[in-house]
Amino acid sequence: MDPDQIMENLSKELGVAVKALGKAKTLEDKVAYSQVVRNLSESLGVFLGLAGDMMEFNDEDPFLDED
């Protein structure tokens, strides 16, 4: 799967989970949704970190053309 598509899907799922967390009534539901939000946030952070590392790597690559 394309990394951009993965990040887009994670972002969408994170939005859905945050909305569900806001609507949760019971403590158990709030805890469950907060764990989902945390896990999705961490996963998205990993992809964003990798993307940032790749951009740094590309900036330092002496073989890239600068047209």
PDB file of N, CA and C in Angstrom:
ATOM      1  N   MET A   1       0.847  -1.175   0.000  1.00  0.00           N
ATOM      2  CA  MET A   1       0.000   0.000   0.000  1.00  0.00           C
ATOM      3  C   MET A   1       0.895   1.242   0.000  1.00  0.00           C
ATOM      4  N   ASP A   2       0.434   2.265  -0.626  1.00  0.00           N
ATOM      5  CA  ASP A   2       1.149   3.525  -0.752  1.00  0.00           C
ATOM      6  C   ASP A   2       1.236   4.219   0.616  1.00  0.00           C
ATOM      7  N   PRO A   3       2.425   4.693   1.024  1.00  0.00           N
ATOM      8  CA  PRO A   3       2.553   5.373   2.319  1.00  0.00           C
ATOM      9  C   PRO A   3       1.645   6.590   2.449  1.00  0.00           C
ATOM     10  N   ASP A   4       1.445   7.328   1.362  1.00  0.00           N
ATOM     11  CA  ASP A   4       0.535   8.476   1.423  1.00  0.00           C
ATOM     12  C   ASP A   4      -0.882   8.030   1.724  1.00  0.00           C
ATOM     13  N   GLN A   5      -1.283   6.931   1.139  1.00  0.00           N
ATOM     14  CA  GLN A   5      -2.634   6.394   1.377  1.00  0.00           C
ATOM     15  C   GLN A   5      -2.764   5.919   2.820  1.00  0.00           C
ATOM     16  N   ILE A   6      -1.712   5.320   3.338  1.00  0.00           N
ATOM     17  CA  ILE A   6      -1.737   4.860   4.732  1.00  0.00           C
ATOM     18  C   ILE A   6      -1.906   6.050   5.670  1.00  0.00           C
ATOM     19  N   MET A   7      -1.136   7.111   5.439  1.00  0.00           N
ATOM     20  CA  MET A   7      -1.240   8.298   6.293  1.00  0.00           C
ATOM     21  C   MET A   7      -2.625   8.945   6.178  1.00  0.00           C
ATOM     22  N   GLU A   8      -3.160   8.981   4.975  1.00  0.00           N
ATOM     23  CA  GLU A   8      -4.496   9.547   4.778  1.00  0.00           C
ATOM     24  C   GLU A   8      -5.540   8.727   5.527  1.00  0.00           C
ATOM     25  N   ASN A   9      -5.447   7.408   5.420  1.00  0.00           N
ATOM     26  CA  ASN A   9      -6.403   6.536   6.112  1.00  0.00           C
ATOM     27  C   ASN A   9      -6.274   6.654   7.630  1.00  0.00           C
ATOM     28  N   LEU A  10      -5.029   6.733   8.123  1.00  0.00           N
ATOM     29  CA  LEU A  10      -4.826   6.907   9.555  1.00  0.00           C
ATOM     30  C   LEU A  10      -5.429   8.224  10.036  1.00  0.00           C
ATOM     31  N   SER A  11      -5.255   9.276   9.246  1.00  0.00           N
ATOM     32  CA  SER A  11      -5.806  10.583   9.602  1.00  0.00           C
ATOM     33  C   SER A  11      -7.327  10.537   9.661  1.00  0.00           C
ATOM     34  N   LYS A  12      -7.936   9.884   8.690  1.00  0.00           N
ATOM     35  CA  LYS A  12      -9.393   9.763   8.686  1.00  0.00           C
ATOM     36  C   LYS A  12      -9.888   8.977   9.892  1.00  0.00           C
ATOM     37  N   GLU A  13      -9.242   7.859  10.175  1.00  0.00           N
ATOM     38  CA  GLU A  13      -9.633   7.036  11.317  1.00  0.00           C
ATOM     39  C   GLU A  13      -9.429   7.786  12.620  1.00  0.00           C
ATOM     40  N   LEU A  14      -8.375   8.582  12.692  1.00  0.00           N
ATOM     41  CA  LEU A  14      -8.128   9.378  13.889  1.00  0.00           C
ATOM     42  C   LEU A  14      -9.259  10.385  14.089  1.00  0.00           C
ATOM     43  N   GLY A  15      -9.685  11.020  13.027  1.00  0.00           N
ATOM     44  CA  GLY A  15     -10.802  11.959  13.120  1.00  0.00           C
ATOM     45  C   GLY A  15     -12.073  11.283  13.585  1.00  0.00           C
ATOM     46  N   VAL A  16     -12.352  10.108  13.062  1.00  0.00           N
ATOM     47  CA  VAL A  16     -13.541   9.351  13.469  1.00  0.00           C
ATOM     48  C   VAL A  16     -13.450   8.983  14.952  1.00  0.00           C
ATOM     49  N   ALA A  17     -12.266   8.545  15.380  1.00  0.00           N
ATOM     50  CA  ALA A  17     -12.092   8.137  16.774  1.00  0.00           C
ATOM     51  C   ALA A  17     -12.221   9.328  17.726  1.00  0.00           C
ATOM     52  N   VAL A  18     -11.702  10.483  17.331  1.00  0.00           N
ATOM     53  CA  VAL A  18     -11.805  11.669  18.182  1.00  0.00           C
ATOM     54  C   VAL A  18     -13.268  12.087  18.326  1.00  0.00           C
ATOM     55  N   LYS A  19     -14.016  12.038  17.232  1.00  0.00           N
ATOM     56  CA  LYS A  19     -15.444  12.365  17.308  1.00  0.00           C
ATOM     57  C   LYS A  19     -16.179  11.375  18.200  1.00  0.00           C
ATOM     58  N   ALA A  20     -15.854  10.099  18.069  1.00  0.00           N
ATOM     59  CA  ALA A  20     -16.497   9.078  18.899  1.00  0.00           C
ATOM     60  C   ALA A  20     -16.131   9.279  20.368  1.00  0.00           C
ATOM     61  N   LEU A  21     -14.888   9.674  20.630  1.00  0.00           N
ATOM     62  CA  LEU A  21     -14.466   9.949  22.003  1.00  0.00           C
ATOM     63  C   LEU A  21     -15.276  11.100  22.577  1.00  0.00           C
ATOM     64  N   GLY A  22     -15.513  12.108  21.781  1.00  0.00           N
ATOM     65  CA  GLY A  22     -16.297  13.247  22.241  1.00  0.00           C
ATOM     66  C   GLY A  22     -17.743  12.892  22.545  1.00  0.00           C
ATOM     67  N   LYS A  23     -18.268  11.894  21.872  1.00  0.00           N
ATOM     68  CA  LYS A  23     -19.661  11.485  22.072  1.00  0.00           C
ATOM     69  C   LYS A  23     -19.813  10.372  23.107  1.00  0.00           C
ATOM     70  N   ALA A  24     -18.699   9.803  23.559  1.00  0.00           N
ATOM     71  CA  ALA A  24     -18.763   8.686  24.504  1.00  0.00           C
ATOM     72  C   ALA A  24     -19.382   9.132  25.822  1.00  0.00           C
ATOM     73  N   LYS A  25     -20.238   8.293  26.362  1.00  0.00           N
ATOM     74  CA  LYS A  25     -20.952   8.631  27.598  1.00  0.00           C
ATOM     75  C   LYS A  25     -20.350   7.944  28.821  1.00  0.00           C
ATOM     76  N   THR A  26     -20.002   6.681  28.683  1.00  0.00           N
ATOM     77  CA  THR A  26     -19.517   5.934  29.843  1.00  0.00           C
ATOM     78  C   THR A  26     -17.994   6.039  29.956  1.00  0.00           C
ATOM     79  N   LEU A  27     -17.523   5.832  31.155  1.00  0.00           N
ATOM     80  CA  LEU A  27     -16.084   5.863  31.397  1.00  0.00           C
ATOM     81  C   LEU A  27     -15.366   4.790  30.583  1.00  0.00           C
ATOM     82  N   GLU A  28     -15.969   3.617  30.492  1.00  0.00           N
ATOM     83  CA  GLU A  28     -15.352   2.523  29.742  1.00  0.00           C
ATOM     84  C   GLU A  28     -15.202   2.892  28.265  1.00  0.00           C
ATOM     85  N   ASP A  29     -16.234   3.509  27.690  1.00  0.00           N
ATOM     86  CA  ASP A  29     -16.159   3.933  26.286  1.00  0.00           C
ATOM     87  C   ASP A  29     -15.101   5.017  26.100  1.00  0.00           C
ATOM     88  N   LYS A  30     -15.032   5.949  27.038  1.00  0.00           N
ATOM     89  CA  LYS A  30     -14.042   7.024  26.932  1.00  0.00           C
ATOM     90  C   LYS A  30     -12.623   6.463  26.996  1.00  0.00           C
ATOM     91  N   VAL A  31     -12.403   5.509  27.887  1.00  0.00           N
ATOM     92  CA  VAL A  31     -11.079   4.883  27.996  1.00  0.00           C
ATOM     93  C   VAL A  31     -10.749   4.133  26.712  1.00  0.00           C
ATOM     94  N   ALA A  32     -11.699   3.392  26.201  1.00  0.00           N
ATOM     95  CA  ALA A  32     -11.464   2.618  24.979  1.00  0.00           C
ATOM     96  C   ALA A  32     -11.141   3.529  23.805  1.00  0.00           C
ATOM     97  N   TYR A  33     -11.940   4.576  23.620  1.00  0.00           N
ATOM     98  CA  TYR A  33     -11.688   5.485  22.503  1.00  0.00           C
ATOM     99  C   TYR A  33     -10.401   6.282  22.691  1.00  0.00           C
ATOM    100  N   SER A  34     -10.073   6.616  23.930  1.00  0.00           N
ATOM    101  CA  SER A  34      -8.823   7.346  24.146  1.00  0.00           C
ATOM    102  C   SER A  34      -7.620   6.473  23.809  1.00  0.00           C
ATOM    103  N   GLN A  35      -7.727   5.183  24.054  1.00  0.00           N
ATOM    104  CA  GLN A  35      -6.645   4.263  23.679  1.00  0.00           C
ATOM    105  C   GLN A  35      -6.540   4.149  22.162  1.00  0.00           C
ATOM    106  N   VAL A  36      -7.672   4.125  21.484  1.00  0.00           N
ATOM    107  CA  VAL A  36      -7.672   4.087  20.015  1.00  0.00           C
ATOM    108  C   VAL A  36      -7.033   5.363  19.458  1.00  0.00           C
ATOM    109  N   VAL A  37      -7.426   6.513  20.026  1.00  0.00           N
ATOM    110  CA  VAL A  37      -6.868   7.788  19.574  1.00  0.00           C
ATOM    111  C   VAL A  37      -5.366   7.813  19.797  1.00  0.00           C
ATOM    112  N   ARG A  38      -4.931   7.343  20.946  1.00  0.00           N
ATOM    113  CA  ARG A  38      -3.494   7.316  21.241  1.00  0.00           C
ATOM    114  C   ARG A  38      -2.746   6.419  20.256  1.00  0.00           C
ATOM    115  N   ASN A  39      -3.257   5.237  20.016  1.00  0.00           N
ATOM    116  CA  ASN A  39      -2.593   4.305  19.108  1.00  0.00           C
ATOM    117  C   ASN A  39      -2.532   4.861  17.679  1.00  0.00           C
ATOM    118  N   LEU A  40      -3.632   5.427  17.216  1.00  0.00           N
ATOM    119  CA  LEU A  40      -3.644   6.004  15.874  1.00  0.00           C
ATOM    120  C   LEU A  40      -2.693   7.202  15.779  1.00  0.00           C
ATOM    121  N   SER A  41      -2.654   8.015  16.833  1.00  0.00           N
ATOM    122  CA  SER A  41      -1.754   9.168  16.850  1.00  0.00           C
ATOM    123  C   SER A  41      -0.294   8.724  16.804  1.00  0.00           C
ATOM    124  N   GLU A  42       0.031   7.714  17.573  1.00  0.00           N
ATOM    125  CA  GLU A  42       1.401   7.201  17.567  1.00  0.00           C
ATOM    126  C   GLU A  42       1.757   6.612  16.210  1.00  0.00           C
ATOM    127  N   SER A  43       0.832   5.878  15.608  1.00  0.00           N
ATOM    128  CA  SER A  43       1.086   5.298  14.288  1.00  0.00           C
ATOM    129  C   SER A  43       1.290   6.382  13.245  1.00  0.00           C
ATOM    130  N   LEU A  44       0.460   7.397  13.279  1.00  0.00           N
ATOM    131  CA  LEU A  44       0.599   8.506  12.338  1.00  0.00           C
ATOM    132  C   LEU A  44       1.921   9.227  12.577  1.00  0.00           C
ATOM    133  N   GLY A  45       2.308   9.368  13.833  1.00  0.00           N
ATOM    134  CA  GLY A  45       3.586   9.995  14.168  1.00  0.00           C
ATOM    135  C   GLY A  45       4.770   9.238  13.607  1.00  0.00           C
ATOM    136  N   VAL A  46       4.685   7.921  13.607  1.00  0.00           N
ATOM    137  CA  VAL A  46       5.761   7.108  13.036  1.00  0.00           C
ATOM    138  C   VAL A  46       5.898   7.399  11.545  1.00  0.00           C
ATOM    139  N   PHE A  47       4.791   7.423  10.831  1.00  0.00           N
ATOM    140  CA  PHE A  47       4.840   7.698   9.397  1.00  0.00           C
ATOM    141  C   PHE A  47       5.331   9.113   9.108  1.00  0.00           C
ATOM    142  N   LEU A  48       4.881  10.078   9.914  1.00  0.00           N
ATOM    143  CA  LEU A  48       5.335  11.450   9.708  1.00  0.00           C
ATOM    144  C   LEU A  48       6.825  11.579  10.015  1.00  0.00           C
ATOM    145  N   GLY A  49       7.286  10.872  11.028  1.00  0.00           N
ATOM    146  CA  GLY A  49       8.715  10.869  11.334  1.00  0.00           C
ATOM    147  C   GLY A  49       9.537  10.283  10.205  1.00  0.00           C
ATOM    148  N   LEU A  50       9.054   9.194   9.643  1.00  0.00           N
ATOM    149  CA  LEU A  50       9.757   8.584   8.505  1.00  0.00           C
ATOM    150  C   LEU A  50       9.760   9.517   7.301  1.00  0.00           C
ATOM    151  N   ALA A  51       8.647  10.179   7.069  1.00  0.00           N
ATOM    152  CA  ALA A  51       8.578  11.118   5.948  1.00  0.00           C
ATOM    153  C   ALA A  51       9.548  12.273   6.165  1.00  0.00           C
ATOM    154  N   GLY A  52       9.629  12.761   7.395  1.00  0.00           N
ATOM    155  CA  GLY A  52      10.578  13.822   7.703  1.00  0.00           C
ATOM    156  C   GLY A  52      12.014  13.382   7.513  1.00  0.00           C
ATOM    157  N   ASP A  53      12.309  12.161   7.932  1.00  0.00           N
ATOM    158  CA  ASP A  53      13.657  11.625   7.736  1.00  0.00           C
ATOM    159  C   ASP A  53      13.990  11.500   6.258  1.00  0.00           C
ATOM    160  N   MET A  54      13.016  11.070   5.473  1.00  0.00           N
ATOM    161  CA  MET A  54      13.251  10.934   4.036  1.00  0.00           C
ATOM    162  C   MET A  54      13.480  12.291   3.381  1.00  0.00           C
ATOM    163  N   MET A  55      12.758  13.305   3.839  1.00  0.00           N
ATOM    164  CA  MET A  55      12.940  14.642   3.272  1.00  0.00           C
ATOM    165  C   MET A  55      14.317  15.186   3.641  1.00  0.00           C
ATOM    166  N   GLU A  56      14.775  14.937   4.865  1.00  0.00           N
ATOM    167  CA  GLU A  56      16.115  15.351   5.267  1.00  0.00           C
ATOM    168  C   GLU A  56      17.160  14.628   4.436  1.00  0.00           C
ATOM    169  N   PHE A  57      16.946  13.336   4.232  1.00  0.00           N
ATOM    170  CA  PHE A  57      17.884  12.546   3.440  1.00  0.00           C
ATOM    171  C   PHE A  57      17.957  13.083   2.019  1.00  0.00           C
ATOM    172  N   ASN A  58      16.818  13.408   1.437  1.00  0.00           N
ATOM    173  CA  ASN A  58      16.793  13.925   0.071  1.00  0.00           C
ATOM    174  C   ASN A  58      17.447  15.292  -0.017  1.00  0.00           C
ATOM    175  N   ASP A  59      17.326  16.119   1.015  1.00  0.00           N
ATOM    176  CA  ASP A  59      17.962  17.434   1.015  1.00  0.00           C
ATOM    177  C   ASP A  59      19.477  17.335   1.054  1.00  0.00           C
ATOM    178  N   GLU A  60      19.984  16.277   1.680  1.00  0.00           N
ATOM    179  CA  GLU A  60      21.422  16.113   1.827  1.00  0.00           C
ATOM    180  C   GLU A  60      22.043  15.258   0.717  1.00  0.00           C
ATOM    181  N   ASP A  61      21.246  14.703  -0.167  1.00  0.00           N
ATOM    182  CA  ASP A  61      21.732  13.814  -1.205  1.00  0.00           C
ATOM    183  C   ASP A  61      22.483  14.598  -2.262  1.00  0.00           C
ATOM    184  N   PRO A  62      23.792  14.399  -2.394  1.00  0.00           N
ATOM    185  CA  PRO A  62      24.579  15.163  -3.372  1.00  0.00           C
ATOM    186  C   PRO A  62      24.293  14.765  -4.816  1.00  0.00           C
ATOM    187  N   PHE A  63      23.581  13.662  -5.009  1.00  0.00           N
ATOM    188  CA  PHE A  63      23.317  13.195  -6.358  1.00  0.00           C
ATOM    189  C   PHE A  63      22.014  13.722  -6.938  1.00  0.00           C
ATOM    190  N   LEU A  64      21.269  14.468  -6.151  1.00  0.00           N
ATOM    191  CA  LEU A  64      20.022  15.034  -6.650  1.00  0.00           C
ATOM    192  C   LEU A  64      20.308  16.232  -7.534  1.00  0.00           C
ATOM    193  N   ASP A  65      19.577  16.340  -8.639  1.00  0.00           N
ATOM    194  CA  ASP A  65      19.698  17.500  -9.507  1.00  0.00           C
ATOM    195  C   ASP A  65      18.956  18.656  -8.890  1.00  0.00           C
ATOM    196  N   GLU A  66      19.518  19.822  -8.995  1.00  0.00           N
ATOM    197  CA  GLU A  66      18.853  21.020  -8.500  1.00  0.00           C
ATOM    198  C   GLU A  66      18.567  21.928  -9.671  1.00  0.00           C
ATOM    199  N   ASP A  67      17.557  21.547 -10.462  1.00  0.00           N
ATOM    200  CA  ASP A  67      17.175  22.336 -11.643  1.00  0.00           C
ATOM    201  C   ASP A  67      16.279  23.475 -11.288  1.00  0.00           C
TER     202      ASP A  67
END
